[in-house]
């Protein structure tokens, strides 16, 4: 069942373009959430739990390809720039980057701890896996970053995280020890990332100067978001048939077009 969507009065973006960017991504973000809901409600096996956790810890150590190149390389590069603080490198920018990298690593730690509980053994390097649809997603985003326009590059950052929807859903879990552990990890990431898309939408909006610009961004958002849904579906062992998933996305698009209200983040 499609859940109610954003209520415009509660979700004030400040501009029509920003709201349109969010509306373009929302059906796919909610599809990611529905995939997670179905998965956790379906009594997944130990192997299925391990699979999504193994894929997740890989993702946490390897943020958007083309913007970031693995946390270890980003940390190394930041350390090399330490002497440039208050010279050529703003201390505020340095601090923001350091906080961002630290958060990403703590997200890895949170999910790796849950995986260790599932596997009943220490996590090993080989446990981190990049699934095929994640490879496709990384290739798409990297192409936009390296060969696309500034607007398309902005769309890549806007779509990162999928509006934190799977973390919103995972944070609701309760019951078994494993579900409690998953919920705690999910809530930590949700609290860190739930508002990221708001700021990203405003930043992208500042780059849009015409209707043509807006369409370029929206097209990129939809392309990336579609691939994100494929990535989440594979990660969570395909809990929804493709045709049903397409219908879910279509119904949310219809609700948006009809001006129906949606819950905020």
C-alpha atoms as a PDB file:
ATOM      1  CA  UNK A   1       0.000   0.000   0.000  1.00  0.00           C
ATOM      2  CA  UNK A   2       1.292   3.481  -0.884  1.00  0.00           C
ATOM      3  CA  UNK A   3       1.816   5.602   2.180  1.00  0.00           C
ATOM      4  CA  UNK A   4       0.740   9.262   2.342  1.00  0.00           C
ATOM      5  CA  UNK A   5       3.386  11.588   0.981  1.00  0.00           C
ATOM      6  CA  UNK A   6       4.964  14.940   1.799  1.00  0.00           C
ATOM      7  CA  UNK A   7       2.703  17.649   2.991  1.00  0.00           C
ATOM      8  CA  UNK A   8       3.832  20.811   1.245  1.00  0.00           C
ATOM      9  CA  UNK A   9       3.024  23.022   4.240  1.00  0.00           C
ATOM     10  CA  UNK A  10       5.341  20.948   6.448  1.00  0.00           C
ATOM     11  CA  UNK A  11       8.017  20.536   3.791  1.00  0.00           C
ATOM     12  CA  UNK A  12       8.991  24.043   2.811  1.00  0.00           C
ATOM     13  CA  UNK A  13      11.787  24.051   0.259  1.00  0.00           C
ATOM     14  CA  UNK A  14      11.553  27.743  -0.451  1.00  0.00           C
ATOM     15  CA  UNK A  15      11.389  27.374  -4.249  1.00  0.00           C
ATOM     16  CA  UNK A  16       9.329  25.470  -6.789  1.00  0.00           C
ATOM     17  CA  UNK A  17      12.446  24.002  -8.420  1.00  0.00           C
ATOM     18  CA  UNK A  18      13.648  22.467  -5.154  1.00  0.00           C
ATOM     19  CA  UNK A  19      10.246  20.904  -4.543  1.00  0.00           C
ATOM     20  CA  UNK A  20      10.210  19.510  -8.075  1.00  0.00           C
ATOM     21  CA  UNK A  21      13.603  17.897  -7.558  1.00  0.00           C
ATOM     22  CA  UNK A  22      12.320  16.168  -4.446  1.00  0.00           C
ATOM     23  CA  UNK A  23       9.108  15.139  -6.213  1.00  0.00           C
ATOM     24  CA  UNK A  24      11.152  13.555  -9.005  1.00  0.00           C
ATOM     25  CA  UNK A  25      13.135  11.424  -6.545  1.00  0.00           C
ATOM     26  CA  UNK A  26      10.386  10.624  -4.026  1.00  0.00           C
ATOM     27  CA  UNK A  27       8.730   7.679  -5.820  1.00  0.00           C
ATOM     28  CA  UNK A  28      12.077   5.914  -6.035  1.00  0.00           C
ATOM     29  CA  UNK A  29      13.050   6.757  -2.460  1.00  0.00           C
ATOM     30  CA  UNK A  30       9.748   5.379  -1.245  1.00  0.00           C
ATOM     31  CA  UNK A  31      10.331   2.289  -3.402  1.00  0.00           C
ATOM     32  CA  UNK A  32      13.630   1.791  -1.573  1.00  0.00           C
ATOM     33  CA  UNK A  33      11.726   2.055   1.705  1.00  0.00           C
ATOM     34  CA  UNK A  34       9.107  -0.450   0.539  1.00  0.00           C
ATOM     35  CA  UNK A  35      11.835  -2.917  -0.473  1.00  0.00           C
ATOM     36  CA  UNK A  36      13.300  -2.700   3.031  1.00  0.00           C
ATOM     37  CA  UNK A  37       9.852  -3.015   4.654  1.00  0.00           C
ATOM     38  CA  UNK A  38       9.010  -6.140   2.677  1.00  0.00           C
ATOM     39  CA  UNK A  39      12.396  -7.672   3.345  1.00  0.00           C
ATOM     40  CA  UNK A  40      12.317  -7.249   7.116  1.00  0.00           C
ATOM     41  CA  UNK A  41       8.655  -8.303   7.314  1.00  0.00           C
ATOM     42  CA  UNK A  42       9.368 -11.472   5.346  1.00  0.00           C
ATOM     43  CA  UNK A  43      11.412 -13.366   7.956  1.00  0.00           C
ATOM     44  CA  UNK A  44      14.694 -13.250   5.988  1.00  0.00           C
ATOM     45  CA  UNK A  45      17.191 -16.077   6.361  1.00  0.00           C
ATOM     46  CA  UNK A  46      20.582 -15.697   7.988  1.00  0.00           C
ATOM     47  CA  UNK A  47      22.210 -15.743   4.537  1.00  0.00           C
ATOM     48  CA  UNK A  48      19.883 -12.979   3.310  1.00  0.00           C
ATOM     49  CA  UNK A  49      20.617 -10.869   6.392  1.00  0.00           C
ATOM     50  CA  UNK A  50      24.326 -11.381   5.851  1.00  0.00           C
ATOM     51  CA  UNK A  51      24.073 -10.446   2.166  1.00  0.00           C
ATOM     52  CA  UNK A  52      22.592  -6.980   2.655  1.00  0.00           C
ATOM     53  CA  UNK A  53      24.941  -6.264   5.541  1.00  0.00           C
ATOM     54  CA  UNK A  54      27.971  -7.340   3.506  1.00  0.00           C
ATOM     55  CA  UNK A  55      26.840  -5.082   0.658  1.00  0.00           C
ATOM     56  CA  UNK A  56      26.135  -2.229   3.078  1.00  0.00           C
ATOM     57  CA  UNK A  57      29.549  -2.235   4.708  1.00  0.00           C
ATOM     58  CA  UNK A  58      31.114  -2.057   1.258  1.00  0.00           C
ATOM     59  CA  UNK A  59      28.956   0.969   0.441  1.00  0.00           C
ATOM     60  CA  UNK A  60      29.842   2.742   3.673  1.00  0.00           C
ATOM     61  CA  UNK A  61      33.557   2.476   2.919  1.00  0.00           C
ATOM     62  CA  UNK A  62      33.101   3.487  -0.719  1.00  0.00           C
ATOM     63  CA  UNK A  63      30.943   6.630  -1.040  1.00  0.00           C
ATOM     64  CA  UNK A  64      29.956   8.128  -4.385  1.00  0.00           C
ATOM     65  CA  UNK A  65      32.503   7.076  -6.992  1.00  0.00           C
ATOM     66  CA  UNK A  66      33.786  10.096  -8.864  1.00  0.00           C
ATOM     67  CA  UNK A  67      33.281  12.423  -5.897  1.00  0.00           C
ATOM     68  CA  UNK A  68      34.848  10.167  -3.285  1.00  0.00           C
ATOM     69  CA  UNK A  69      37.380   7.421  -3.889  1.00  0.00           C
ATOM     70  CA  UNK A  70      37.149   5.275  -0.780  1.00  0.00           C
ATOM     71  CA  UNK A  71      37.422   6.536   2.783  1.00  0.00           C
ATOM     72  CA  UNK A  72      41.050   5.490   3.137  1.00  0.00           C
ATOM     73  CA  UNK A  73      42.151   7.601   0.160  1.00  0.00           C
ATOM     74  CA  UNK A  74      39.988  10.530   1.245  1.00  0.00           C
ATOM     75  CA  UNK A  75      41.456  10.439   4.763  1.00  0.00           C
ATOM     76  CA  UNK A  76      44.994  10.213   3.371  1.00  0.00           C
ATOM     77  CA  UNK A  77      44.409  13.193   1.100  1.00  0.00           C
ATOM     78  CA  UNK A  78      42.902  15.214   3.935  1.00  0.00           C
ATOM     79  CA  UNK A  79      45.873  14.437   6.194  1.00  0.00           C
ATOM     80  CA  UNK A  80      48.257  15.672   3.493  1.00  0.00           C
ATOM     81  CA  UNK A  81      46.423  19.014   3.465  1.00  0.00           C
ATOM     82  CA  UNK A  82      46.636  19.531   7.217  1.00  0.00           C
ATOM     83  CA  UNK A  83      49.440  22.119   6.989  1.00  0.00           C
ATOM     84  CA  UNK A  84      47.307  24.185   4.601  1.00  0.00           C
ATOM     85  CA  UNK A  85      44.633  24.892   7.217  1.00  0.00           C
ATOM     86  CA  UNK A  86      44.135  28.686   7.424  1.00  0.00           C
ATOM     87  CA  UNK A  87      46.471  29.072   4.470  1.00  0.00           C
ATOM     88  CA  UNK A  88      44.882  27.719   1.317  1.00  0.00           C
ATOM     89  CA  UNK A  89      42.357  25.468   3.079  1.00  0.00           C
ATOM     90  CA  UNK A  90      39.510  26.875   5.168  1.00  0.00           C
ATOM     91  CA  UNK A  91      39.446  25.394   8.672  1.00  0.00           C
ATOM     92  CA  UNK A  92      35.666  25.214   8.421  1.00  0.00           C
ATOM     93  CA  UNK A  93      35.814  23.221   5.195  1.00  0.00           C
ATOM     94  CA  UNK A  94      38.500  20.963   6.667  1.00  0.00           C
ATOM     95  CA  UNK A  95      36.399  20.371   9.766  1.00  0.00           C
ATOM     96  CA  UNK A  96      33.287  19.635   7.712  1.00  0.00           C
ATOM     97  CA  UNK A  97      35.139  17.085   5.586  1.00  0.00           C
ATOM     98  CA  UNK A  98      36.666  15.460   8.645  1.00  0.00           C
ATOM     99  CA  UNK A  99      33.243  15.178  10.274  1.00  0.00           C
ATOM    100  CA  UNK A 100      31.757  13.702   7.108  1.00  0.00           C
ATOM    101  CA  UNK A 101      34.470  11.060   6.804  1.00  0.00           C
ATOM    102  CA  UNK A 102      34.206  10.215  10.490  1.00  0.00           C
ATOM    103  CA  UNK A 103      30.442   9.770  10.193  1.00  0.00           C
ATOM    104  CA  UNK A 104      30.830   7.470   7.196  1.00  0.00           C
ATOM    105  CA  UNK A 105      33.315   5.319   9.068  1.00  0.00           C
ATOM    106  CA  UNK A 106      31.052   5.110  12.115  1.00  0.00           C
ATOM    107  CA  UNK A 107      28.251   3.967   9.822  1.00  0.00           C
ATOM    108  CA  UNK A 108      30.544   1.198   8.617  1.00  0.00           C
ATOM    109  CA  UNK A 109      31.310   0.267  12.224  1.00  0.00           C
ATOM    110  CA  UNK A 110      27.605   0.119  13.114  1.00  0.00           C
ATOM    111  CA  UNK A 111      26.706  -2.244  10.262  1.00  0.00           C
ATOM    112  CA  UNK A 112      29.884  -4.322  10.630  1.00  0.00           C
ATOM    113  CA  UNK A 113      28.970  -4.921  14.281  1.00  0.00           C
ATOM    114  CA  UNK A 114      25.549  -6.223  13.226  1.00  0.00           C
ATOM    115  CA  UNK A 115      27.124  -8.415  10.547  1.00  0.00           C
ATOM    116  CA  UNK A 116      29.489  -9.858  13.123  1.00  0.00           C
ATOM    117  CA  UNK A 117      26.473 -10.794  15.252  1.00  0.00           C
ATOM    118  CA  UNK A 118      24.825 -12.492  12.256  1.00  0.00           C
ATOM    119  CA  UNK A 119      27.961 -14.377  11.197  1.00  0.00           C
ATOM    120  CA  UNK A 120      28.919 -15.302  14.769  1.00  0.00           C
ATOM    121  CA  UNK A 121      32.569 -14.574  13.951  1.00  0.00           C
ATOM    122  CA  UNK A 122      34.794 -11.529  13.429  1.00  0.00           C
ATOM    123  CA  UNK A 123      34.189  -9.541  10.257  1.00  0.00           C
ATOM    124  CA  UNK A 124      36.901  -9.960   7.636  1.00  0.00           C
ATOM    125  CA  UNK A 125      37.932  -7.815   4.670  1.00  0.00           C
ATOM    126  CA  UNK A 126      36.520 -10.456   2.320  1.00  0.00           C
ATOM    127  CA  UNK A 127      33.063  -9.948   3.836  1.00  0.00           C
ATOM    128  CA  UNK A 128      32.736  -6.580   2.073  1.00  0.00           C
ATOM    129  CA  UNK A 129      31.106  -7.144  -1.306  1.00  0.00           C
ATOM    130  CA  UNK A 130      30.104  -4.904  -4.184  1.00  0.00           C
ATOM    131  CA  UNK A 131      27.017  -6.393  -5.831  1.00  0.00           C
ATOM    132  CA  UNK A 132      26.409  -6.114  -9.576  1.00  0.00           C
ATOM    133  CA  UNK A 133      23.674  -3.461  -9.402  1.00  0.00           C
ATOM    134  CA  UNK A 134      25.881  -1.376  -7.116  1.00  0.00           C
ATOM    135  CA  UNK A 135      28.603  -1.579  -9.761  1.00  0.00           C
ATOM    136  CA  UNK A 136      26.060  -0.344 -12.324  1.00  0.00           C
ATOM    137  CA  UNK A 137      25.072   2.502 -10.011  1.00  0.00           C
ATOM    138  CA  UNK A 138      28.664   3.528  -9.437  1.00  0.00           C
ATOM    139  CA  UNK A 139      29.363   3.463 -13.187  1.00  0.00           C
ATOM    140  CA  UNK A 140      26.312   5.651 -13.899  1.00  0.00           C
ATOM    141  CA  UNK A 141      27.209   8.202 -11.250  1.00  0.00           C
ATOM    142  CA  UNK A 142      30.873   8.250 -12.260  1.00  0.00           C
ATOM    143  CA  UNK A 143      29.878   8.906 -15.864  1.00  0.00           C
ATOM    144  CA  UNK A 144      27.783  11.903 -14.793  1.00  0.00           C
ATOM    145  CA  UNK A 145      30.594  13.222 -12.588  1.00  0.00           C
ATOM    146  CA  UNK A 146      33.376  12.814 -15.151  1.00  0.00           C
ATOM    147  CA  UNK A 147      31.519  13.489 -18.405  1.00  0.00           C
ATOM    148  CA  UNK A 148      28.318  15.286 -17.466  1.00  0.00           C
ATOM    149  CA  UNK A 149      27.449  18.905 -16.856  1.00  0.00           C
ATOM    150  CA  UNK A 150      27.689  20.740 -13.540  1.00  0.00           C
ATOM    151  CA  UNK A 151      23.940  20.241 -13.160  1.00  0.00           C
ATOM    152  CA  UNK A 152      24.239  16.492 -13.651  1.00  0.00           C
ATOM    153  CA  UNK A 153      27.074  16.338 -11.146  1.00  0.00           C
ATOM    154  CA  UNK A 154      24.858  18.166  -8.671  1.00  0.00           C
ATOM    155  CA  UNK A 155      22.129  15.580  -9.281  1.00  0.00           C
ATOM    156  CA  UNK A 156      24.560  12.832  -8.264  1.00  0.00           C
ATOM    157  CA  UNK A 157      25.064  14.361  -4.830  1.00  0.00           C
ATOM    158  CA  UNK A 158      21.356  15.099  -4.429  1.00  0.00           C
ATOM    159  CA  UNK A 159      20.424  11.446  -4.956  1.00  0.00           C
ATOM    160  CA  UNK A 160      23.084  10.024  -2.631  1.00  0.00           C
ATOM    161  CA  UNK A 161      21.482   8.204   0.292  1.00  0.00           C
ATOM    162  CA  UNK A 162      18.035   7.804  -1.251  1.00  0.00           C
ATOM    163  CA  UNK A 163      16.503  10.311   1.117  1.00  0.00           C
ATOM    164  CA  UNK A 164      17.578   8.046   4.024  1.00  0.00           C
ATOM    165  CA  UNK A 165      14.420   6.015   3.437  1.00  0.00           C
ATOM    166  CA  UNK A 166      15.772   2.531   4.189  1.00  0.00           C
ATOM    167  CA  UNK A 167      17.293   3.853   7.410  1.00  0.00           C
ATOM    168  CA  UNK A 168      13.932   5.337   8.360  1.00  0.00           C
ATOM    169  CA  UNK A 169      12.307   1.948   7.899  1.00  0.00           C
ATOM    170  CA  UNK A 170      15.050  -0.062   9.562  1.00  0.00           C
ATOM    171  CA  UNK A 171      14.953   2.181  12.620  1.00  0.00           C
ATOM    172  CA  UNK A 172      11.372   1.021  13.256  1.00  0.00           C
ATOM    173  CA  UNK A 173      12.333  -2.632  13.781  1.00  0.00           C
ATOM    174  CA  UNK A 174      11.788  -4.285  17.143  1.00  0.00           C
ATOM    175  CA  UNK A 175      11.473  -7.763  18.588  1.00  0.00           C
ATOM    176  CA  UNK A 176      14.451 -10.094  18.323  1.00  0.00           C
ATOM    177  CA  UNK A 177      17.978  -9.237  19.393  1.00  0.00           C
ATOM    178  CA  UNK A 178      18.995  -8.993  15.739  1.00  0.00           C
ATOM    179  CA  UNK A 179      16.121  -6.653  14.904  1.00  0.00           C
ATOM    180  CA  UNK A 180      17.023  -4.427  17.837  1.00  0.00           C
ATOM    181  CA  UNK A 181      20.650  -4.292  16.705  1.00  0.00           C
ATOM    182  CA  UNK A 182      19.616  -3.459  13.145  1.00  0.00           C
ATOM    183  CA  UNK A 183      17.237  -0.750  14.386  1.00  0.00           C
ATOM    184  CA  UNK A 184      19.965   0.855  16.491  1.00  0.00           C
ATOM    185  CA  UNK A 185      22.376   0.942  13.556  1.00  0.00           C
ATOM    186  CA  UNK A 186      19.711   2.238  11.182  1.00  0.00           C
ATOM    187  CA  UNK A 187      18.627   4.981  13.584  1.00  0.00           C
ATOM    188  CA  UNK A 188      22.189   6.194  13.957  1.00  0.00           C
ATOM    189  CA  UNK A 189      22.555   6.597  10.187  1.00  0.00           C
ATOM    190  CA  UNK A 190      19.044   8.042   9.829  1.00  0.00           C
ATOM    191  CA  UNK A 191      19.729  10.701  12.454  1.00  0.00           C
ATOM    192  CA  UNK A 192      22.945  11.650  10.635  1.00  0.00           C
ATOM    193  CA  UNK A 193      21.484  11.703   7.124  1.00  0.00           C
ATOM    194  CA  UNK A 194      17.744  12.418   7.266  1.00  0.00           C
ATOM    195  CA  UNK A 195      18.134  16.114   6.414  1.00  0.00           C
ATOM    196  CA  UNK A 196      20.951  15.810   3.867  1.00  0.00           C
ATOM    197  CA  UNK A 197      18.648  15.869   0.858  1.00  0.00           C
ATOM    198  CA  UNK A 198      17.044  19.134   2.018  1.00  0.00           C
ATOM    199  CA  UNK A 199      20.340  20.997   1.892  1.00  0.00           C
ATOM    200  CA  UNK A 200      21.310  19.218  -1.326  1.00  0.00           C
ATOM    201  CA  UNK A 201      18.043  20.289  -2.971  1.00  0.00           C
ATOM    202  CA  UNK A 202      18.664  23.899  -2.022  1.00  0.00           C
ATOM    203  CA  UNK A 203      22.219  23.758  -3.359  1.00  0.00           C
ATOM    204  CA  UNK A 204      21.128  22.243  -6.667  1.00  0.00           C
ATOM    205  CA  UNK A 205      18.324  24.777  -6.903  1.00  0.00           C
ATOM    206  CA  UNK A 206      20.856  27.604  -6.743  1.00  0.00           C
ATOM    207  CA  UNK A 207      22.462  26.242  -9.930  1.00  0.00           C
ATOM    208  CA  UNK A 208      19.201  26.081 -11.906  1.00  0.00           C
ATOM    209  CA  UNK A 209      18.753  29.164 -14.082  1.00  0.00           C
ATOM    210  CA  UNK A 210      16.050  28.005 -16.502  1.00  0.00           C
ATOM    211  CA  UNK A 211      13.391  25.400 -17.170  1.00  0.00           C
ATOM    212  CA  UNK A 212      15.872  23.609 -19.416  1.00  0.00           C
ATOM    213  CA  UNK A 213      18.351  23.433 -16.531  1.00  0.00           C
ATOM    214  CA  UNK A 214      15.658  21.997 -14.282  1.00  0.00           C
ATOM    215  CA  UNK A 215      14.843  19.269 -16.784  1.00  0.00           C
ATOM    216  CA  UNK A 216      18.509  18.286 -17.102  1.00  0.00           C
ATOM    217  CA  UNK A 217      18.710  17.806 -13.335  1.00  0.00           C
ATOM    218  CA  UNK A 218      15.378  15.976 -13.119  1.00  0.00           C
ATOM    219  CA  UNK A 219      16.329  13.566 -15.910  1.00  0.00           C
ATOM    220  CA  UNK A 220      19.581  12.730 -14.115  1.00  0.00           C
ATOM    221  CA  UNK A 221      17.790  12.351 -10.777  1.00  0.00           C
ATOM    222  CA  UNK A 222      15.316   9.886 -12.268  1.00  0.00           C
ATOM    223  CA  UNK A 223      17.999   7.853 -14.046  1.00  0.00           C
ATOM    224  CA  UNK A 224      20.129   7.547 -10.911  1.00  0.00           C
ATOM    225  CA  UNK A 225      17.147   6.906  -8.654  1.00  0.00           C
ATOM    226  CA  UNK A 226      15.872   4.098 -10.886  1.00  0.00           C
ATOM    227  CA  UNK A 227      19.240   2.405 -10.636  1.00  0.00           C
ATOM    228  CA  UNK A 228      19.246   2.908  -6.877  1.00  0.00           C
ATOM    229  CA  UNK A 229      16.009   0.928  -6.697  1.00  0.00           C
ATOM    230  CA  UNK A 230      17.630  -1.900  -8.651  1.00  0.00           C
ATOM    231  CA  UNK A 231      20.587  -1.754  -6.268  1.00  0.00           C
ATOM    232  CA  UNK A 232      18.365  -1.972  -3.164  1.00  0.00           C
ATOM    233  CA  UNK A 233      16.294  -4.766  -4.684  1.00  0.00           C
ATOM    234  CA  UNK A 234      19.383  -6.894  -5.265  1.00  0.00           C
ATOM    235  CA  UNK A 235      20.794  -6.033  -1.842  1.00  0.00           C
ATOM    236  CA  UNK A 236      17.588  -7.168  -0.126  1.00  0.00           C
ATOM    237  CA  UNK A 237      17.162 -10.367  -2.188  1.00  0.00           C
ATOM    238  CA  UNK A 238      14.402  -9.045  -4.496  1.00  0.00           C
ATOM    239  CA  UNK A 239      11.454  -9.020  -2.050  1.00  0.00           C
ATOM    240  CA  UNK A 240       9.137  -7.378  -4.636  1.00  0.00           C
ATOM    241  CA  UNK A 241       8.508  -8.541  -8.195  1.00  0.00           C
ATOM    242  CA  UNK A 242       9.670  -6.002 -10.829  1.00  0.00           C
ATOM    243  CA  UNK A 243       6.165  -5.388 -12.190  1.00  0.00           C
ATOM    244  CA  UNK A 244       4.786  -4.729  -8.718  1.00  0.00           C
ATOM    245  CA  UNK A 245       7.666  -2.393  -7.959  1.00  0.00           C
ATOM    246  CA  UNK A 246       6.981  -0.445 -11.162  1.00  0.00           C
ATOM    247  CA  UNK A 247       3.327  -0.170 -10.177  1.00  0.00           C
ATOM    248  CA  UNK A 248       4.285   1.095  -6.736  1.00  0.00           C
ATOM    249  CA  UNK A 249       6.422   3.858  -8.285  1.00  0.00           C
ATOM    250  CA  UNK A 250       3.654   4.773 -10.749  1.00  0.00           C
ATOM    251  CA  UNK A 251       1.078   5.099  -7.950  1.00  0.00           C
ATOM    252  CA  UNK A 252       3.306   7.455  -5.983  1.00  0.00           C
ATOM    253  CA  UNK A 253       3.900   9.550  -9.094  1.00  0.00           C
ATOM    254  CA  UNK A 254       0.118   9.711  -9.534  1.00  0.00           C
ATOM    255  CA  UNK A 255      -0.316  10.807  -5.921  1.00  0.00           C
ATOM    256  CA  UNK A 256       2.253  13.557  -6.384  1.00  0.00           C
ATOM    257  CA  UNK A 257       0.534  14.750  -9.561  1.00  0.00           C
ATOM    258  CA  UNK A 258      -2.794  14.790  -7.694  1.00  0.00           C
ATOM    259  CA  UNK A 259      -1.274  16.915  -4.924  1.00  0.00           C
ATOM    260  CA  UNK A 260      -1.830  14.338  -2.191  1.00  0.00           C
ATOM    261  CA  UNK A 261      -0.044  14.853   1.124  1.00  0.00           C
ATOM    262  CA  UNK A 262       2.994  12.877   2.130  1.00  0.00           C
ATOM    263  CA  UNK A 263       4.675  12.373   5.454  1.00  0.00           C
ATOM    264  CA  UNK A 264       7.886  14.308   5.917  1.00  0.00           C
ATOM    265  CA  UNK A 265      11.220  12.627   6.652  1.00  0.00           C
END
